[in-house]
PDB file of N, CA and C in Angstrom:
ATOM      1  N   MET A   1     -11.600  -0.718  42.596  1.00  0.00           N
ATOM      2  CA  MET A   1     -10.895   0.486  42.971  1.00  0.00           C
ATOM      3  C   MET A   1     -11.242   0.898  44.396  1.00  0.00           C
ATOM      4  N   ALA A   2     -12.510   0.737  44.749  1.00  0.00           N
ATOM      5  CA  ALA A   2     -12.919   1.135  46.090  1.00  0.00           C
ATOM      6  C   ALA A   2     -12.240   0.276  47.145  1.00  0.00           C
ATOM      7  N   LEU A   3     -11.985  -0.990  46.817  1.00  0.00           N
ATOM      8  CA  LEU A   3     -11.315  -1.853  47.775  1.00  0.00           C
ATOM      9  C   LEU A   3      -9.892  -1.377  48.037  1.00  0.00           C
ATOM     10  N   MET A   4      -9.208  -0.910  46.983  1.00  0.00           N
ATOM     11  CA  MET A   4      -7.851  -0.396  47.168  1.00  0.00           C
ATOM     12  C   MET A   4      -7.877   0.932  47.911  1.00  0.00           C
ATOM     13  N   THR A   5      -8.862   1.747  47.638  1.00  0.00           N
ATOM     14  CA  THR A   5      -8.957   3.043  48.297  1.00  0.00           C
ATOM     15  C   THR A   5      -9.218   2.876  49.785  1.00  0.00           C
ATOM     16  N   LYS A   6      -9.990   1.870  50.157  1.00  0.00           N
ATOM     17  CA  LYS A   6     -10.269   1.634  51.570  1.00  0.00           C
ATOM     18  C   LYS A   6      -8.985   1.291  52.321  1.00  0.00           C
ATOM     19  N   LYS A   7      -8.102   0.517  51.711  1.00  0.00           N
ATOM     20  CA  LYS A   7      -6.838   0.162  52.361  1.00  0.00           C
ATOM     21  C   LYS A   7      -5.931   1.381  52.511  1.00  0.00           C
ATOM     22  N   ILE A   8      -5.968   2.286  51.556  1.00  0.00           N
ATOM     23  CA  ILE A   8      -5.123   3.475  51.593  1.00  0.00           C
ATOM     24  C   ILE A   8      -5.698   4.518  52.539  1.00  0.00           C
ATOM     25  N   SER A   9      -7.019   4.544  52.694  1.00  0.00           N
ATOM     26  CA  SER A   9      -7.652   5.605  53.468  1.00  0.00           C
ATOM     27  C   SER A   9      -7.336   5.544  54.957  1.00  0.00           C
ATOM     28  N   ILE A  10      -6.748   4.453  55.437  1.00  0.00           N
ATOM     29  CA  ILE A  10      -6.369   4.408  56.853  1.00  0.00           C
ATOM     30  C   ILE A  10      -5.255   5.402  57.142  1.00  0.00           C
ATOM     31  N   TYR A  11      -4.555   5.839  56.101  1.00  0.00           N
ATOM     32  CA  TYR A  11      -3.500   6.835  56.264  1.00  0.00           C
ATOM     33  C   TYR A  11      -4.035   8.261  56.242  1.00  0.00           C
ATOM     34  N   GLY A  12      -5.292   8.420  55.953  1.00  0.00           N
ATOM     35  CA  GLY A  12      -5.912   9.738  55.928  1.00  0.00           C
ATOM     36  C   GLY A  12      -6.581   9.995  54.594  1.00  0.00           C
ATOM     37  N   PRO A  13      -7.483  10.949  54.567  1.00  0.00           N
ATOM     38  CA  PRO A  13      -8.206  11.226  53.321  1.00  0.00           C
ATOM     39  C   PRO A  13      -7.318  11.814  52.235  1.00  0.00           C
ATOM     40  N   GLU A  14      -6.191  12.399  52.618  1.00  0.00           N
ATOM     41  CA  GLU A  14      -5.307  12.976  51.601  1.00  0.00           C
ATOM     42  C   GLU A  14      -4.791  11.901  50.649  1.00  0.00           C
ATOM     43  N   TYR A  15      -4.475  10.724  51.194  1.00  0.00           N
ATOM     44  CA  TYR A  15      -3.963   9.646  50.355  1.00  0.00           C
ATOM     45  C   TYR A  15      -5.052   9.084  49.441  1.00  0.00           C
ATOM     46  N   ALA A  16      -6.287   9.032  49.914  1.00  0.00           N
ATOM     47  CA  ALA A  16      -7.390   8.571  49.074  1.00  0.00           C
ATOM     48  C   ALA A  16      -7.618   9.543  47.912  1.00  0.00           C
ATOM     49  N   VAL A  17      -7.535  10.829  48.184  1.00  0.00           N
ATOM     50  CA  VAL A  17      -7.685  11.834  47.129  1.00  0.00           C
ATOM     51  C   VAL A  17      -6.526  11.745  46.148  1.00  0.00           C
ATOM     52  N   LEU A  18      -5.313  11.542  46.660  1.00  0.00           N
ATOM     53  CA  LEU A  18      -4.145  11.404  45.788  1.00  0.00           C
ATOM     54  C   LEU A  18      -4.265  10.174  44.901  1.00  0.00           C
ATOM     55  N   LEU A  19      -4.734   9.055  45.454  1.00  0.00           N
ATOM     56  CA  LEU A  19      -4.928   7.841  44.667  1.00  0.00           C
ATOM     57  C   LEU A  19      -5.947   8.069  43.561  1.00  0.00           C
ATOM     58  N   THR A  20      -7.027   8.757  43.882  1.00  0.00           N
ATOM     59  CA  THR A  20      -8.053   9.050  42.890  1.00  0.00           C
ATOM     60  C   THR A  20      -7.512   9.958  41.786  1.00  0.00           C
ATOM     61  N   LEU A  21      -6.758  10.971  42.170  1.00  0.00           N
ATOM     62  CA  LEU A  21      -6.178  11.888  41.188  1.00  0.00           C
ATOM     63  C   LEU A  21      -5.199  11.165  40.273  1.00  0.00           C
ATOM     64  N   LEU A  22      -4.338  10.348  40.841  1.00  0.00           N
ATOM     65  CA  LEU A  22      -3.348   9.640  40.032  1.00  0.00           C
ATOM     66  C   LEU A  22      -3.998   8.648  39.073  1.00  0.00           C
ATOM     67  N   SER A  23      -5.031   7.945  39.515  1.00  0.00           N
ATOM     68  CA  SER A  23      -5.707   7.018  38.609  1.00  0.00           C
ATOM     69  C   SER A  23      -6.413   7.778  37.481  1.00  0.00           C
ATOM     70  N   GLY A  24      -6.965   8.936  37.782  1.00  0.00           N
ATOM     71  CA  GLY A  24      -7.572   9.756  36.732  1.00  0.00           C
ATOM     72  C   GLY A  24      -6.561  10.259  35.730  1.00  0.00           C
ATOM     73  N   VAL A  25      -5.383  10.643  36.202  1.00  0.00           N
ATOM     74  CA  VAL A  25      -4.320  11.109  35.302  1.00  0.00           C
ATOM     75  C   VAL A  25      -3.855   9.979  34.390  1.00  0.00           C
ATOM     76  N   ILE A  26      -3.739   8.765  34.942  1.00  0.00           N
ATOM     77  CA  ILE A  26      -3.319   7.629  34.126  1.00  0.00           C
ATOM     78  C   ILE A  26      -4.363   7.313  33.065  1.00  0.00           C
ATOM     79  N   ILE A  27      -5.638   7.343  33.427  1.00  0.00           N
ATOM     80  CA  ILE A  27      -6.697   7.074  32.451  1.00  0.00           C
ATOM     81  C   ILE A  27      -6.736   8.161  31.383  1.00  0.00           C
ATOM     82  N   LEU A  28      -6.555   9.409  31.789  1.00  0.00           N
ATOM     83  CA  LEU A  28      -6.529  10.511  30.822  1.00  0.00           C
ATOM     84  C   LEU A  28      -5.351  10.368  29.863  1.00  0.00           C
ATOM     85  N   ALA A  29      -4.180  10.021  30.383  1.00  0.00           N
ATOM     86  CA  ALA A  29      -2.996   9.848  29.531  1.00  0.00           C
ATOM     87  C   ALA A  29      -3.200   8.702  28.544  1.00  0.00           C
ATOM     88  N   ALA A  30      -3.791   7.609  29.005  1.00  0.00           N
ATOM     89  CA  ALA A  30      -4.055   6.485  28.104  1.00  0.00           C
ATOM     90  C   ALA A  30      -5.036   6.896  27.007  1.00  0.00           C
ATOM     91  N   GLY A  31      -6.019   7.711  27.354  1.00  0.00           N
ATOM     92  CA  GLY A  31      -6.966   8.183  26.350  1.00  0.00           C
ATOM     93  C   GLY A  31      -6.330   9.120  25.339  1.00  0.00           C
ATOM     94  N   LEU A  32      -5.483  10.028  25.819  1.00  0.00           N
ATOM     95  CA  LEU A  32      -4.827  10.972  24.917  1.00  0.00           C
ATOM     96  C   LEU A  32      -3.821  10.281  24.003  1.00  0.00           C
ATOM     97  N   LEU A  33      -3.193   9.218  24.502  1.00  0.00           N
ATOM     98  CA  LEU A  33      -2.223   8.470  23.694  1.00  0.00           C
ATOM     99  C   LEU A  33      -2.888   7.407  22.828  1.00  0.00           C
ATOM    100  N   LYS A  34      -4.221   7.351  22.880  1.00  0.00           N
ATOM    101  CA  LYS A  34      -5.018   6.411  22.089  1.00  0.00           C
ATOM    102  C   LYS A  34      -4.556   4.967  22.300  1.00  0.00           C
ATOM    103  N   LEU A  35      -4.491   4.561  23.571  1.00  0.00           N
ATOM    104  CA  LEU A  35      -4.052   3.218  23.914  1.00  0.00           C
ATOM    105  C   LEU A  35      -5.218   2.243  24.068  1.00  0.00           C
ATOM    106  N   GLY A  36      -6.385   2.637  23.628  1.00  0.00           N
ATOM    107  CA  GLY A  36      -7.557   1.773  23.735  1.00  0.00           C
ATOM    108  C   GLY A  36      -7.450   0.500  22.919  1.00  0.00           C
ATOM    109  N   PHE A  37      -6.600   0.501  21.895  1.00  0.00           N
ATOM    110  CA  PHE A  37      -6.450  -0.692  21.064  1.00  0.00           C
ATOM    111  C   PHE A  37      -5.830  -1.856  21.840  1.00  0.00           C
ATOM    112  N   LEU A  38      -5.204  -1.573  22.961  1.00  0.00           N
ATOM    113  CA  LEU A  38      -4.569  -2.637  23.740  1.00  0.00           C
ATOM    114  C   LEU A  38      -5.581  -3.621  24.307  1.00  0.00           C
ATOM    115  N   ILE A  39      -6.829  -3.191  24.462  1.00  0.00           N
ATOM    116  CA  ILE A  39      -7.861  -4.089  24.987  1.00  0.00           C
ATOM    117  C   ILE A  39      -8.155  -5.205  24.000  1.00  0.00           C
ATOM    118  N   ASP A  40      -7.821  -5.005  22.723  1.00  0.00           N
ATOM    119  CA  ASP A  40      -8.029  -6.057  21.721  1.00  0.00           C
ATOM    120  C   ASP A  40      -7.145  -7.270  21.978  1.00  0.00           C
ATOM    121  N   PHE A  41      -6.054  -7.100  22.683  1.00  0.00           N
ATOM    122  CA  PHE A  41      -5.148  -8.205  22.971  1.00  0.00           C
ATOM    123  C   PHE A  41      -5.611  -9.037  24.161  1.00  0.00           C
ATOM    124  N   ILE A  42      -6.637  -8.594  24.872  1.00  0.00           N
ATOM    125  CA  ILE A  42      -7.194  -9.337  25.991  1.00  0.00           C
ATOM    126  C   ILE A  42      -8.425 -10.073  25.481  1.00  0.00           C
ATOM    127  N   SER A  43      -8.484 -11.376  25.737  1.00  0.00           N
ATOM    128  CA  SER A  43      -9.577 -12.186  25.192  1.00  0.00           C
ATOM    129  C   SER A  43     -10.927 -11.758  25.777  1.00  0.00           C
ATOM    130  N   LEU A  44     -11.978 -12.057  25.027  1.00  0.00           N
ATOM    131  CA  LEU A  44     -13.336 -11.686  25.430  1.00  0.00           C
ATOM    132  C   LEU A  44     -13.759 -12.355  26.740  1.00  0.00           C
ATOM    133  N   PRO A  45     -13.458 -13.639  26.967  1.00  0.00           N
ATOM    134  CA  PRO A  45     -13.848 -14.228  28.262  1.00  0.00           C
ATOM    135  C   PRO A  45     -13.182 -13.562  29.460  1.00  0.00           C
ATOM    136  N   VAL A  46     -11.950 -13.117  29.303  1.00  0.00           N
ATOM    137  CA  VAL A  46     -11.265 -12.430  30.400  1.00  0.00           C
ATOM    138  C   VAL A  46     -11.938 -11.095  30.675  1.00  0.00           C
ATOM    139  N   THR A  47     -12.263 -10.352  29.627  1.00  0.00           N
ATOM    140  CA  THR A  47     -12.936  -9.064  29.785  1.00  0.00           C
ATOM    141  C   THR A  47     -14.319  -9.245  30.413  1.00  0.00           C
ATOM    142  N   ALA A  48     -15.057 -10.246  29.955  1.00  0.00           N
ATOM    143  CA  ALA A  48     -16.385 -10.500  30.505  1.00  0.00           C
ATOM    144  C   ALA A  48     -16.294 -10.934  31.965  1.00  0.00           C
ATOM    145  N   GLY A  49     -15.317 -11.751  32.293  1.00  0.00           N
ATOM    146  CA  GLY A  49     -15.129 -12.177  33.671  1.00  0.00           C
ATOM    147  C   GLY A  49     -14.781 -11.026  34.582  1.00  0.00           C
ATOM    148  N   PHE A  50     -13.949 -10.113  34.100  1.00  0.00           N
ATOM    149  CA  PHE A  50     -13.587  -8.930  34.882  1.00  0.00           C
ATOM    150  C   PHE A  50     -14.808  -8.069  35.159  1.00  0.00           C
ATOM    151  N   CYS A  51     -15.627  -7.857  34.137  1.00  0.00           N
ATOM    152  CA  CYS A  51     -16.837  -7.047  34.322  1.00  0.00           C
ATOM    153  C   CYS A  51     -17.823  -7.728  35.262  1.00  0.00           C
ATOM    154  N   SER A  52     -17.966  -9.040  35.144  1.00  0.00           N
ATOM    155  CA  SER A  52     -18.863  -9.768  36.040  1.00  0.00           C
ATOM    156  C   SER A  52     -18.373  -9.722  37.476  1.00  0.00           C
ATOM    157  N   ALA A  53     -17.069  -9.879  37.672  1.00  0.00           N
ATOM    158  CA  ALA A  53     -16.516  -9.816  39.032  1.00  0.00           C
ATOM    159  C   ALA A  53     -16.694  -8.426  39.627  1.00  0.00           C
ATOM    160  N   ALA A  54     -16.538  -7.402  38.819  1.00  0.00           N
ATOM    161  CA  ALA A  54     -16.749  -6.041  39.305  1.00  0.00           C
ATOM    162  C   ALA A  54     -18.211  -5.848  39.714  1.00  0.00           C
ATOM    163  N   ALA A  55     -19.140  -6.386  38.927  1.00  0.00           N
ATOM    164  CA  ALA A  55     -20.560  -6.256  39.257  1.00  0.00           C
ATOM    165  C   ALA A  55     -20.897  -6.994  40.550  1.00  0.00           C
ATOM    166  N   VAL A  56     -20.340  -8.188  40.732  1.00  0.00           N
ATOM    167  CA  VAL A  56     -20.596  -8.957  41.951  1.00  0.00           C
ATOM    168  C   VAL A  56     -20.014  -8.239  43.166  1.00  0.00           C
ATOM    169  N   THR A  57     -18.820  -7.681  43.023  1.00  0.00           N
ATOM    170  CA  THR A  57     -18.192  -6.951  44.122  1.00  0.00           C
ATOM    171  C   THR A  57     -19.020  -5.737  44.521  1.00  0.00           C
ATOM    172  N   ILE A  58     -19.493  -4.989  43.549  1.00  0.00           N
ATOM    173  CA  ILE A  58     -20.306  -3.810  43.834  1.00  0.00           C
ATOM    174  C   ILE A  58     -21.626  -4.209  44.477  1.00  0.00           C
ATOM    175  N   ALA A  59     -22.269  -5.230  43.936  1.00  0.00           N
ATOM    176  CA  ALA A  59     -23.555  -5.668  44.475  1.00  0.00           C
ATOM    177  C   ALA A  59     -23.418  -6.191  45.902  1.00  0.00           C
ATOM    178  N   SER A  60     -22.370  -6.967  46.158  1.00  0.00           N
ATOM    179  CA  SER A  60     -22.211  -7.528  47.492  1.00  0.00           C
ATOM    180  C   SER A  60     -21.839  -6.458  48.521  1.00  0.00           C
ATOM    181  N   SER A  61     -21.189  -5.407  48.084  1.00  0.00           N
ATOM    182  CA  SER A  61     -20.851  -4.335  49.026  1.00  0.00           C
ATOM    183  C   SER A  61     -22.077  -3.479  49.364  1.00  0.00           C
ATOM    184  N   GLN A  62     -23.100  -3.501  48.513  1.00  0.00           N
ATOM    185  CA  GLN A  62     -24.300  -2.709  48.754  1.00  0.00           C
ATOM    186  C   GLN A  62     -25.318  -3.444  49.623  1.00  0.00           C
ATOM    187  N   VAL A  63     -25.177  -4.756  49.768  1.00  0.00           N
ATOM    188  CA  VAL A  63     -26.148  -5.541  50.532  1.00  0.00           C
ATOM    189  C   VAL A  63     -26.166  -5.113  51.996  1.00  0.00           C
ATOM    190  N   LYS A  64     -25.004  -4.764  52.546  1.00  0.00           N
ATOM    191  CA  LYS A  64     -24.933  -4.338  53.944  1.00  0.00           C
ATOM    192  C   LYS A  64     -25.800  -3.124  54.213  1.00  0.00           C
ATOM    193  N   GLN A  65     -25.927  -2.246  53.242  1.00  0.00           N
ATOM    194  CA  GLN A  65     -26.659  -1.007  53.437  1.00  0.00           C
ATOM    195  C   GLN A  65     -28.162  -1.186  53.303  1.00  0.00           C
ATOM    196  N   LEU A  66     -28.597  -2.324  52.775  1.00  0.00           N
ATOM    197  CA  LEU A  66     -30.035  -2.575  52.660  1.00  0.00           C
ATOM    198  C   LEU A  66     -30.559  -2.981  54.016  1.00  0.00           C
TER     199      LEU A  66
END
């Protein structure tokens, strides 16, 4: 998400805030509509790979600050 926000933020902080608000509204709507069962249709290796890639992306972005 941060990678997408960085691309949008060149237009100004208003767009980054709007992107954050819209993603929160979508997540809230999915929670209220109880759409969590849809994750069952995604295989476990795909879910694990997504989580691992997210962890690697976060870790590699923090190395610069060390």
